[in-house]
């Protein structure tokens, strides 16, 4: 359920009732997360709400609940880089029977003929791979194992080779898993633009 001004007004009334019953002031009335930011933008957030948990908005400029980019925030603040550990021309359909992977899923395959397949040195133990998107045009994440991600490339290129580095944008779930993984090196950079 999306937050509403009416629901947050009831929250403010509950806070006031608690303050009266307990006999002391409650300094914070948290009105939710990034999903409540639209109410603030529309000047509909009740005055008693003095706190929002807007990590996704601040970090990625997105409101996933409302499926929108927030135009006055940046969306390019986090980037994943992973080394290419294999780059080979392969048939898009595997040879033989397809079974269940280590996560209990049967991976889908489409017959797209021979294509460049890349394996990046990052996997499900460190990132929610469904939440990463290659920054380079013509690349598509196909799936992955615990420690590798498989990417298809439309066209071969000199940069798409063993030892090369791929850049990915990340959604909130992917960023969360990356930031909590002890095996992922984090580098913080300040830019002035």
N, C-alpha and C. Protein backbone atom coordinates (compact mmCIF):
# COMPACT_ATOMS: atom_id res chain seq x y z
N UNK A 1 0.85 -1.18 0.00
CA UNK A 1 0.00 0.00 0.00
C UNK A 1 0.89 1.24 0.00
N UNK A 2 0.59 2.18 -0.88
CA UNK A 2 1.36 3.40 -0.95
C UNK A 2 1.02 4.31 0.23
N UNK A 3 2.00 5.07 0.71
CA UNK A 3 1.71 5.99 1.80
C UNK A 3 0.76 7.09 1.33
N UNK A 4 -0.05 7.54 2.24
CA UNK A 4 -0.99 8.63 1.91
C UNK A 4 -0.92 9.69 3.00
N UNK A 5 -1.35 10.89 2.67
CA UNK A 5 -1.38 11.97 3.65
C UNK A 5 -2.29 11.59 4.82
N UNK A 6 -3.40 10.92 4.53
CA UNK A 6 -4.34 10.53 5.59
C UNK A 6 -3.70 9.53 6.56
N UNK A 7 -3.00 8.53 6.02
CA UNK A 7 -2.35 7.54 6.88
C UNK A 7 -1.25 8.18 7.72
N UNK A 8 -0.49 9.08 7.13
CA UNK A 8 0.57 9.74 7.88
C UNK A 8 0.01 10.72 8.91
N UNK A 9 -1.15 11.30 8.61
CA UNK A 9 -1.81 12.16 9.61
C UNK A 9 -2.22 11.31 10.83
N UNK A 10 -2.72 10.09 10.59
CA UNK A 10 -3.06 9.19 11.71
C UNK A 10 -1.81 8.84 12.52
N UNK A 11 -0.68 8.67 11.83
CA UNK A 11 0.58 8.41 12.53
C UNK A 11 0.93 9.58 13.45
N UNK A 12 0.77 10.79 12.96
CA UNK A 12 1.06 11.98 13.77
C UNK A 12 0.14 12.06 14.99
N UNK A 13 -1.13 11.71 14.79
CA UNK A 13 -2.07 11.71 15.91
C UNK A 13 -1.68 10.64 16.94
N UNK A 14 -1.24 9.48 16.48
CA UNK A 14 -0.80 8.41 17.39
C UNK A 14 0.42 8.87 18.18
N UNK A 15 1.35 9.58 17.54
CA UNK A 15 2.53 10.12 18.23
C UNK A 15 2.10 11.10 19.32
N UNK A 16 1.17 11.99 18.99
CA UNK A 16 0.69 12.97 19.99
C UNK A 16 0.01 12.27 21.16
N UNK A 17 -0.76 11.23 20.88
CA UNK A 17 -1.42 10.47 21.95
C UNK A 17 -0.37 9.80 22.85
N UNK A 18 0.64 9.20 22.23
CA UNK A 18 1.72 8.57 23.01
C UNK A 18 2.44 9.60 23.88
N UNK A 19 2.71 10.76 23.35
CA UNK A 19 3.39 11.81 24.13
C UNK A 19 2.57 12.19 25.35
N UNK A 20 1.24 12.33 25.16
CA UNK A 20 0.37 12.67 26.30
C UNK A 20 0.37 11.54 27.34
N UNK A 21 0.24 10.30 26.86
CA UNK A 21 0.17 9.15 27.77
C UNK A 21 1.49 8.90 28.51
N UNK A 22 2.60 9.07 27.81
CA UNK A 22 3.91 8.80 28.39
C UNK A 22 4.46 9.98 29.18
N UNK A 23 3.98 11.17 28.85
CA UNK A 23 4.42 12.35 29.57
C UNK A 23 5.76 12.92 29.11
N UNK A 24 6.19 12.56 27.94
CA UNK A 24 7.40 13.18 27.41
C UNK A 24 7.31 13.28 25.88
N UNK A 25 8.14 14.17 25.34
CA UNK A 25 8.13 14.44 23.91
C UNK A 25 8.85 13.33 23.15
N UNK A 26 8.28 12.92 22.04
CA UNK A 26 8.90 11.98 21.11
C UNK A 26 9.46 12.83 19.97
N UNK A 27 10.78 12.92 19.85
CA UNK A 27 11.35 13.89 18.91
C UNK A 27 11.24 13.52 17.43
N UNK A 28 11.10 12.24 17.12
CA UNK A 28 11.10 11.84 15.70
C UNK A 28 9.79 11.17 15.34
N UNK A 29 9.22 11.60 14.23
CA UNK A 29 8.04 10.96 13.66
C UNK A 29 8.41 10.61 12.22
N UNK A 30 8.80 9.37 12.02
CA UNK A 30 9.28 8.93 10.72
C UNK A 30 8.10 8.54 9.83
N UNK A 31 8.00 9.21 8.71
CA UNK A 31 6.86 9.01 7.82
C UNK A 31 7.12 8.05 6.68
N UNK A 32 8.10 7.20 6.84
CA UNK A 32 8.29 6.20 5.81
C UNK A 32 9.60 6.36 5.07
N UNK A 33 9.58 5.87 3.85
CA UNK A 33 10.81 5.77 3.06
C UNK A 33 10.71 6.62 1.80
N UNK A 34 11.50 6.27 0.82
CA UNK A 34 11.47 6.97 -0.47
C UNK A 34 10.05 7.05 -1.01
N UNK A 35 9.24 6.05 -0.71
CA UNK A 35 7.86 6.05 -1.22
C UNK A 35 7.03 7.22 -0.70
N UNK A 36 7.43 7.83 0.41
CA UNK A 36 6.72 9.00 0.95
C UNK A 36 7.24 10.31 0.38
N UNK A 37 8.32 10.26 -0.36
CA UNK A 37 8.93 11.47 -0.89
C UNK A 37 8.00 12.23 -1.82
N UNK A 38 7.18 11.51 -2.58
CA UNK A 38 6.23 12.17 -3.50
C UNK A 38 5.27 13.08 -2.73
N UNK A 39 4.87 12.67 -1.52
CA UNK A 39 3.99 13.53 -0.71
C UNK A 39 4.70 14.82 -0.32
N UNK A 40 5.98 14.72 -0.01
CA UNK A 40 6.76 15.92 0.31
C UNK A 40 6.86 16.82 -0.91
N UNK A 41 7.13 16.24 -2.07
CA UNK A 41 7.25 17.01 -3.31
C UNK A 41 5.94 17.73 -3.64
N UNK A 42 4.81 17.12 -3.31
CA UNK A 42 3.49 17.69 -3.61
C UNK A 42 2.95 18.53 -2.46
N UNK A 43 3.80 18.76 -1.45
CA UNK A 43 3.43 19.55 -0.26
C UNK A 43 2.21 18.95 0.46
N UNK A 44 2.14 17.61 0.50
CA UNK A 44 1.04 16.91 1.16
C UNK A 44 1.50 16.13 2.39
N UNK A 45 2.78 16.21 2.73
CA UNK A 45 3.29 15.50 3.89
C UNK A 45 2.84 16.24 5.14
N UNK A 46 2.16 15.57 6.08
CA UNK A 46 1.72 16.26 7.30
C UNK A 46 2.88 16.91 8.04
N UNK A 47 2.63 18.06 8.63
CA UNK A 47 3.67 18.84 9.31
C UNK A 47 4.34 18.06 10.44
N UNK A 48 3.61 17.15 11.07
CA UNK A 48 4.18 16.40 12.19
C UNK A 48 5.23 15.38 11.78
N UNK A 49 5.29 15.04 10.52
CA UNK A 49 6.30 14.09 10.04
C UNK A 49 7.60 14.87 9.84
N UNK A 50 8.64 14.48 10.58
CA UNK A 50 9.91 15.21 10.51
C UNK A 50 11.08 14.32 10.13
N UNK A 51 10.78 13.15 9.58
CA UNK A 51 11.85 12.21 9.24
C UNK A 51 11.37 11.28 8.14
N UNK A 52 12.21 11.12 7.09
CA UNK A 52 11.96 10.13 6.04
C UNK A 52 13.23 9.33 5.83
N UNK A 53 13.10 8.04 5.60
CA UNK A 53 14.24 7.18 5.31
C UNK A 53 14.32 7.03 3.79
N UNK A 54 15.13 7.86 3.17
CA UNK A 54 15.11 7.95 1.71
C UNK A 54 16.44 7.52 1.09
N UNK A 55 16.98 6.41 1.56
CA UNK A 55 18.25 5.92 1.05
C UNK A 55 18.26 5.68 -0.44
N UNK A 56 17.24 4.99 -0.95
CA UNK A 56 17.21 4.70 -2.38
C UNK A 56 17.16 5.99 -3.19
N UNK A 57 16.37 6.94 -2.75
CA UNK A 57 16.25 8.21 -3.48
C UNK A 57 17.58 8.96 -3.48
N UNK A 58 18.18 9.10 -2.31
CA UNK A 58 19.43 9.85 -2.19
C UNK A 58 20.56 9.17 -2.94
N UNK A 59 20.64 7.86 -2.82
CA UNK A 59 21.75 7.13 -3.42
C UNK A 59 21.59 6.87 -4.91
N UNK A 60 20.36 6.62 -5.37
CA UNK A 60 20.17 6.20 -6.75
C UNK A 60 19.17 7.06 -7.54
N UNK A 61 18.55 8.04 -6.90
CA UNK A 61 17.62 8.92 -7.60
C UNK A 61 16.37 8.22 -8.10
N UNK A 62 15.99 7.14 -7.43
CA UNK A 62 14.84 6.34 -7.88
C UNK A 62 13.80 6.19 -6.78
N UNK A 63 12.58 6.03 -7.21
CA UNK A 63 11.47 5.65 -6.32
C UNK A 63 10.89 4.38 -6.93
N UNK A 64 11.35 3.24 -6.46
CA UNK A 64 10.97 1.95 -7.05
C UNK A 64 9.49 1.66 -6.84
N UNK A 65 8.92 2.10 -5.73
CA UNK A 65 7.51 1.83 -5.45
C UNK A 65 6.62 2.50 -6.49
N UNK A 66 6.96 3.72 -6.86
CA UNK A 66 6.18 4.45 -7.86
C UNK A 66 6.76 4.31 -9.27
N UNK A 67 7.81 3.48 -9.41
CA UNK A 67 8.43 3.22 -10.71
C UNK A 67 8.80 4.50 -11.44
N UNK A 68 9.57 5.37 -10.76
CA UNK A 68 9.95 6.63 -11.38
C UNK A 68 11.37 7.02 -10.99
N UNK A 69 11.97 7.77 -11.88
CA UNK A 69 13.23 8.43 -11.57
C UNK A 69 12.86 9.77 -10.96
N UNK A 70 13.62 10.21 -9.98
CA UNK A 70 13.35 11.50 -9.34
C UNK A 70 14.20 12.54 -10.06
N UNK A 71 13.57 13.45 -10.80
CA UNK A 71 14.31 14.31 -11.71
C UNK A 71 15.32 15.24 -11.04
N UNK A 72 15.14 15.57 -9.80
CA UNK A 72 16.05 16.51 -9.14
C UNK A 72 17.15 15.79 -8.35
N UNK A 73 17.26 14.48 -8.52
CA UNK A 73 18.33 13.71 -7.88
C UNK A 73 19.14 12.96 -8.94
N UNK A 74 20.34 12.57 -8.58
CA UNK A 74 21.22 11.86 -9.52
C UNK A 74 20.97 10.36 -9.44
N UNK A 75 21.13 9.70 -10.59
CA UNK A 75 20.93 8.26 -10.65
C UNK A 75 22.23 7.51 -10.97
N UNK A 76 23.32 8.22 -11.08
CA UNK A 76 24.60 7.61 -11.47
C UNK A 76 25.62 7.61 -10.34
N UNK A 77 25.17 7.46 -9.13
CA UNK A 77 26.06 7.58 -7.98
C UNK A 77 26.73 6.28 -7.57
N UNK A 78 26.25 5.16 -8.08
CA UNK A 78 26.85 3.86 -7.75
C UNK A 78 27.11 3.10 -9.04
N UNK A 79 28.24 2.44 -9.07
CA UNK A 79 28.63 1.69 -10.27
C UNK A 79 29.37 0.44 -9.82
N UNK A 80 29.06 -0.67 -10.46
CA UNK A 80 29.77 -1.92 -10.23
C UNK A 80 30.74 -2.13 -11.38
N UNK A 81 31.96 -2.53 -11.06
CA UNK A 81 32.92 -2.93 -12.08
C UNK A 81 33.35 -4.35 -11.77
N UNK A 82 33.38 -5.18 -12.82
CA UNK A 82 33.77 -6.59 -12.65
C UNK A 82 34.69 -6.99 -13.80
N UNK A 83 35.69 -7.77 -13.45
CA UNK A 83 36.66 -8.22 -14.44
C UNK A 83 36.09 -9.34 -15.30
N UNK A 84 36.41 -9.31 -16.58
CA UNK A 84 36.04 -10.39 -17.49
C UNK A 84 37.07 -11.51 -17.31
N UNK A 85 36.59 -12.69 -16.94
CA UNK A 85 37.49 -13.82 -16.73
C UNK A 85 37.40 -14.85 -17.86
N UNK A 86 36.44 -14.64 -18.76
CA UNK A 86 36.35 -15.49 -19.95
C UNK A 86 35.59 -14.71 -21.02
N UNK A 87 36.05 -14.83 -22.27
CA UNK A 87 35.38 -14.22 -23.42
C UNK A 87 35.54 -15.16 -24.59
N UNK A 88 34.47 -15.88 -24.95
CA UNK A 88 34.53 -16.87 -26.01
C UNK A 88 33.28 -16.80 -26.88
N UNK A 89 33.45 -17.10 -28.17
CA UNK A 89 32.30 -17.27 -29.03
C UNK A 89 31.68 -18.62 -28.72
N UNK A 90 30.38 -18.62 -28.45
CA UNK A 90 29.69 -19.86 -28.09
C UNK A 90 28.30 -19.86 -28.71
N UNK A 91 27.73 -21.03 -28.84
CA UNK A 91 26.34 -21.15 -29.26
C UNK A 91 25.45 -20.68 -28.10
N UNK A 92 24.38 -20.00 -28.42
CA UNK A 92 23.50 -19.49 -27.36
C UNK A 92 22.70 -20.60 -26.69
N UNK A 93 22.48 -21.71 -27.40
CA UNK A 93 21.81 -22.86 -26.78
C UNK A 93 22.86 -23.86 -26.33
N UNK A 94 22.79 -24.31 -25.07
CA UNK A 94 23.76 -25.30 -24.61
C UNK A 94 23.57 -26.64 -25.32
N UNK A 95 24.64 -27.37 -25.38
CA UNK A 95 24.62 -28.71 -25.97
C UNK A 95 24.24 -29.70 -24.88
N UNK A 96 23.13 -30.36 -25.00
CA UNK A 96 22.71 -31.34 -24.00
C UNK A 96 21.48 -30.88 -23.24
N UNK A 97 21.14 -31.66 -22.23
CA UNK A 97 19.95 -31.38 -21.43
C UNK A 97 20.21 -30.21 -20.48
N UNK A 98 19.15 -29.45 -20.22
CA UNK A 98 19.23 -28.32 -19.30
C UNK A 98 18.65 -28.76 -17.96
N UNK A 99 19.39 -28.55 -16.90
CA UNK A 99 18.95 -28.95 -15.56
C UNK A 99 18.75 -27.76 -14.65
N UNK A 100 18.46 -28.06 -13.41
CA UNK A 100 18.25 -27.05 -12.38
C UNK A 100 19.61 -26.53 -11.93
N UNK A 101 19.70 -25.22 -11.73
CA UNK A 101 20.97 -24.65 -11.25
C UNK A 101 21.08 -24.77 -9.73
N UNK A 102 22.15 -24.26 -9.16
CA UNK A 102 22.41 -24.38 -7.72
C UNK A 102 21.39 -23.64 -6.87
N UNK A 103 20.58 -22.79 -7.51
CA UNK A 103 19.59 -22.00 -6.77
C UNK A 103 18.18 -22.50 -6.98
N UNK A 104 18.05 -23.69 -7.61
CA UNK A 104 16.74 -24.31 -7.80
C UNK A 104 15.97 -23.80 -9.00
N UNK A 105 16.63 -23.08 -9.91
CA UNK A 105 15.97 -22.53 -11.09
C UNK A 105 16.43 -23.26 -12.34
N UNK A 106 15.55 -23.31 -13.32
CA UNK A 106 15.92 -23.82 -14.64
C UNK A 106 16.17 -22.58 -15.51
N UNK A 107 17.43 -22.34 -15.87
CA UNK A 107 17.73 -21.13 -16.63
C UNK A 107 17.12 -21.18 -18.03
N UNK A 108 16.56 -20.05 -18.49
CA UNK A 108 16.00 -20.02 -19.84
C UNK A 108 17.10 -19.76 -20.88
N UNK A 109 16.96 -20.36 -22.04
CA UNK A 109 17.91 -20.14 -23.13
C UNK A 109 17.13 -19.88 -24.41
N UNK A 110 17.61 -18.92 -25.20
CA UNK A 110 17.02 -18.63 -26.50
C UNK A 110 18.05 -18.93 -27.58
N UNK A 111 17.60 -19.44 -28.70
CA UNK A 111 18.52 -19.72 -29.80
C UNK A 111 18.79 -18.44 -30.58
N UNK A 112 19.94 -17.87 -30.32
CA UNK A 112 20.36 -16.65 -31.03
C UNK A 112 21.63 -16.91 -31.82
N UNK A 113 21.89 -18.20 -32.08
CA UNK A 113 23.08 -18.55 -32.84
C UNK A 113 24.34 -18.37 -32.01
N UNK A 114 25.44 -18.23 -32.72
CA UNK A 114 26.73 -18.03 -32.05
C UNK A 114 26.85 -16.58 -31.59
N UNK A 115 27.33 -16.39 -30.39
CA UNK A 115 27.51 -15.04 -29.87
C UNK A 115 28.69 -15.02 -28.89
N UNK A 116 29.19 -13.83 -28.68
CA UNK A 116 30.27 -13.66 -27.70
C UNK A 116 29.66 -13.76 -26.31
N UNK A 117 30.17 -14.71 -25.53
CA UNK A 117 29.74 -14.89 -24.14
C UNK A 117 30.87 -14.45 -23.24
N UNK A 118 30.53 -13.60 -22.29
CA UNK A 118 31.50 -13.10 -21.32
C UNK A 118 31.15 -13.66 -19.95
N UNK A 119 32.16 -13.97 -19.18
CA UNK A 119 31.95 -14.34 -17.79
C UNK A 119 32.66 -13.29 -16.94
N UNK A 120 31.90 -12.65 -16.07
CA UNK A 120 32.44 -11.63 -15.18
C UNK A 120 32.63 -12.21 -13.79
N UNK A 121 33.67 -11.76 -13.11
CA UNK A 121 34.04 -12.29 -11.80
C UNK A 121 33.23 -11.65 -10.68
N UNK A 122 31.93 -11.82 -10.73
CA UNK A 122 31.02 -11.39 -9.66
C UNK A 122 29.80 -12.30 -9.77
N UNK A 123 29.28 -12.73 -8.64
CA UNK A 123 28.16 -13.66 -8.69
C UNK A 123 27.14 -13.41 -7.61
N UNK A 124 26.22 -14.35 -7.49
CA UNK A 124 25.08 -14.21 -6.58
C UNK A 124 25.47 -14.14 -5.10
N UNK A 125 26.65 -14.61 -4.74
CA UNK A 125 27.05 -14.51 -3.34
C UNK A 125 27.33 -13.07 -2.94
N UNK A 126 27.57 -12.21 -3.93
CA UNK A 126 27.94 -10.82 -3.66
C UNK A 126 26.97 -9.79 -4.21
N UNK A 127 26.14 -10.17 -5.17
CA UNK A 127 25.24 -9.19 -5.79
C UNK A 127 23.97 -9.87 -6.28
N UNK A 128 22.88 -9.17 -6.19
CA UNK A 128 21.63 -9.64 -6.80
C UNK A 128 21.75 -9.33 -8.28
N UNK A 129 22.12 -10.33 -9.06
CA UNK A 129 22.48 -10.07 -10.46
C UNK A 129 21.29 -9.59 -11.29
N UNK A 130 20.07 -9.85 -10.85
CA UNK A 130 18.91 -9.31 -11.56
C UNK A 130 18.85 -7.78 -11.44
N UNK A 131 19.62 -7.23 -10.54
CA UNK A 131 19.61 -5.78 -10.31
C UNK A 131 20.77 -5.04 -10.94
N UNK A 132 21.53 -5.71 -11.81
CA UNK A 132 22.64 -5.02 -12.48
C UNK A 132 22.35 -4.93 -13.98
N UNK A 133 22.78 -3.83 -14.59
CA UNK A 133 22.60 -3.62 -16.03
C UNK A 133 23.90 -3.12 -16.61
N UNK A 134 24.38 -3.77 -17.68
CA UNK A 134 25.63 -3.31 -18.29
C UNK A 134 25.51 -1.87 -18.77
N UNK A 135 26.56 -1.10 -18.54
CA UNK A 135 26.57 0.29 -19.00
C UNK A 135 26.86 0.37 -20.50
N UNK A 136 27.52 -0.62 -21.02
CA UNK A 136 27.87 -0.64 -22.44
C UNK A 136 26.69 -1.17 -23.25
N UNK A 137 26.38 -0.49 -24.35
CA UNK A 137 25.32 -0.93 -25.26
C UNK A 137 25.66 -2.30 -25.85
N UNK A 138 24.65 -3.09 -26.12
CA UNK A 138 24.85 -4.37 -26.79
C UNK A 138 25.21 -5.52 -25.86
N UNK A 139 25.17 -5.29 -24.56
CA UNK A 139 25.45 -6.36 -23.59
C UNK A 139 24.17 -6.69 -22.84
N UNK A 140 24.03 -7.96 -22.48
CA UNK A 140 22.84 -8.42 -21.76
C UNK A 140 23.24 -9.45 -20.72
N UNK A 141 22.83 -9.24 -19.47
CA UNK A 141 23.08 -10.21 -18.40
C UNK A 141 22.14 -11.39 -18.62
N UNK A 142 22.71 -12.59 -18.71
CA UNK A 142 21.92 -13.80 -18.94
C UNK A 142 21.63 -14.57 -17.66
N UNK A 143 22.49 -14.47 -16.68
CA UNK A 143 22.32 -15.22 -15.44
C UNK A 143 23.66 -15.35 -14.75
N UNK A 144 23.72 -16.24 -13.78
CA UNK A 144 24.97 -16.40 -13.09
C UNK A 144 24.96 -17.49 -12.05
N UNK A 145 26.14 -17.76 -11.56
CA UNK A 145 26.33 -18.74 -10.49
C UNK A 145 26.68 -17.97 -9.22
N UNK A 146 27.15 -18.69 -8.23
CA UNK A 146 27.48 -18.02 -6.97
C UNK A 146 28.63 -17.03 -7.14
N UNK A 147 29.55 -17.28 -8.07
CA UNK A 147 30.71 -16.39 -8.18
C UNK A 147 30.97 -15.84 -9.58
N UNK A 148 30.06 -16.07 -10.53
CA UNK A 148 30.25 -15.56 -11.88
C UNK A 148 28.92 -15.06 -12.46
N UNK A 149 29.02 -14.10 -13.37
CA UNK A 149 27.86 -13.60 -14.09
C UNK A 149 28.11 -13.78 -15.58
N UNK A 150 27.11 -14.28 -16.29
CA UNK A 150 27.23 -14.55 -17.72
C UNK A 150 26.55 -13.42 -18.49
N UNK A 151 27.28 -12.90 -19.46
CA UNK A 151 26.80 -11.77 -20.25
C UNK A 151 26.94 -12.12 -21.73
N UNK A 152 25.92 -11.78 -22.51
CA UNK A 152 25.99 -11.95 -23.96
C UNK A 152 26.30 -10.60 -24.58
N UNK A 153 27.15 -10.62 -25.63
CA UNK A 153 27.50 -9.40 -26.35
C UNK A 153 26.98 -9.50 -27.78
N UNK A 154 26.36 -8.41 -28.27
CA UNK A 154 25.87 -8.37 -29.65
C UNK A 154 27.00 -8.53 -30.66
N UNK A 155 28.08 -7.79 -30.42
CA UNK A 155 29.20 -7.82 -31.37
C UNK A 155 30.52 -7.89 -30.62
N UNK A 156 31.46 -8.65 -31.13
CA UNK A 156 32.78 -8.71 -30.50
C UNK A 156 33.48 -7.35 -30.57
N UNK A 157 34.41 -7.15 -29.65
CA UNK A 157 35.17 -5.91 -29.60
C UNK A 157 36.49 -6.19 -28.89
N UNK A 158 37.51 -5.40 -29.17
CA UNK A 158 38.82 -5.59 -28.53
C UNK A 158 38.73 -5.43 -27.02
N UNK A 159 37.85 -4.54 -26.55
CA UNK A 159 37.73 -4.30 -25.10
C UNK A 159 37.03 -5.44 -24.37
N UNK A 160 36.25 -6.22 -25.10
CA UNK A 160 35.51 -7.33 -24.48
C UNK A 160 36.37 -8.58 -24.54
N UNK A 161 37.38 -8.61 -23.69
CA UNK A 161 38.32 -9.71 -23.69
C UNK A 161 38.71 -10.06 -22.26
N UNK A 162 39.38 -11.21 -22.14
CA UNK A 162 39.86 -11.64 -20.84
C UNK A 162 40.70 -10.53 -20.22
N UNK A 163 40.42 -10.20 -18.96
CA UNK A 163 41.15 -9.15 -18.26
C UNK A 163 40.52 -7.78 -18.38
N UNK A 164 39.57 -7.63 -19.30
CA UNK A 164 38.86 -6.35 -19.43
C UNK A 164 37.92 -6.13 -18.25
N UNK A 165 37.41 -4.94 -18.15
CA UNK A 165 36.52 -4.61 -17.04
C UNK A 165 35.18 -4.14 -17.60
N UNK A 166 34.09 -4.68 -17.04
CA UNK A 166 32.74 -4.28 -17.42
C UNK A 166 32.16 -3.39 -16.34
N UNK A 167 31.46 -2.35 -16.75
CA UNK A 167 30.76 -1.47 -15.82
C UNK A 167 29.27 -1.77 -15.84
N UNK A 168 28.65 -1.69 -14.68
CA UNK A 168 27.21 -1.96 -14.53
C UNK A 168 26.57 -0.87 -13.67
N UNK A 169 25.36 -0.48 -14.03
CA UNK A 169 24.55 0.30 -13.11
C UNK A 169 23.88 -0.69 -12.16
N UNK A 170 23.46 -0.22 -11.01
CA UNK A 170 22.87 -1.11 -10.00
C UNK A 170 21.56 -0.54 -9.49
N UNK A 171 20.63 -1.43 -9.17
CA UNK A 171 19.43 -0.97 -8.47
C UNK A 171 19.68 -1.08 -6.97
N UNK A 172 18.68 -0.75 -6.17
CA UNK A 172 18.87 -0.70 -4.72
C UNK A 172 19.21 -2.08 -4.14
N UNK A 173 18.53 -3.12 -4.60
CA UNK A 173 18.80 -4.47 -4.08
C UNK A 173 20.22 -4.90 -4.40
N UNK A 174 20.68 -4.62 -5.61
CA UNK A 174 22.05 -4.97 -5.99
C UNK A 174 23.05 -4.16 -5.17
N UNK A 175 22.78 -2.87 -4.99
CA UNK A 175 23.69 -2.03 -4.22
C UNK A 175 23.77 -2.52 -2.77
N UNK A 176 22.64 -2.89 -2.20
CA UNK A 176 22.61 -3.39 -0.82
C UNK A 176 23.49 -4.63 -0.68
N UNK A 177 23.34 -5.59 -1.58
CA UNK A 177 24.13 -6.81 -1.47
C UNK A 177 25.62 -6.53 -1.70
N UNK A 178 25.92 -5.66 -2.66
CA UNK A 178 27.33 -5.30 -2.91
C UNK A 178 27.96 -4.64 -1.68
N UNK A 179 27.24 -3.73 -1.07
CA UNK A 179 27.79 -2.97 0.06
C UNK A 179 27.96 -3.82 1.31
N UNK A 180 27.19 -4.88 1.43
CA UNK A 180 27.31 -5.72 2.63
C UNK A 180 28.23 -6.92 2.41
N UNK A 181 28.67 -7.14 1.18
CA UNK A 181 29.57 -8.26 0.91
C UNK A 181 31.00 -7.92 1.34
N UNK A 182 31.61 -8.77 2.16
CA UNK A 182 33.00 -8.52 2.55
C UNK A 182 33.99 -8.81 1.42
N UNK A 183 33.52 -9.42 0.33
CA UNK A 183 34.40 -9.81 -0.76
C UNK A 183 34.44 -8.79 -1.90
N UNK A 184 33.67 -7.73 -1.78
CA UNK A 184 33.62 -6.70 -2.82
C UNK A 184 34.40 -5.49 -2.34
N UNK A 185 35.39 -5.07 -3.13
CA UNK A 185 36.18 -3.88 -2.82
C UNK A 185 35.32 -2.65 -3.10
N UNK A 186 35.24 -1.75 -2.13
CA UNK A 186 34.47 -0.53 -2.29
C UNK A 186 35.43 0.66 -2.41
N UNK A 187 35.15 1.51 -3.37
CA UNK A 187 35.95 2.72 -3.55
C UNK A 187 34.99 3.90 -3.59
N UNK A 188 35.26 4.89 -2.75
CA UNK A 188 34.39 6.06 -2.67
C UNK A 188 35.10 7.23 -3.33
N UNK A 189 34.40 7.87 -4.26
CA UNK A 189 34.99 9.01 -4.96
C UNK A 189 34.04 10.20 -4.82
N UNK A 190 34.63 11.34 -4.64
CA UNK A 190 33.86 12.58 -4.60
C UNK A 190 34.05 13.29 -5.92
N UNK A 191 32.94 13.64 -6.54
CA UNK A 191 33.01 14.43 -7.77
C UNK A 191 32.22 15.71 -7.54
N UNK A 192 32.58 16.72 -8.23
CA UNK A 192 31.97 18.02 -8.02
C UNK A 192 30.95 18.37 -9.10
N UNK A 193 30.52 17.39 -9.89
CA UNK A 193 29.57 17.71 -10.96
C UNK A 193 28.22 17.11 -10.72
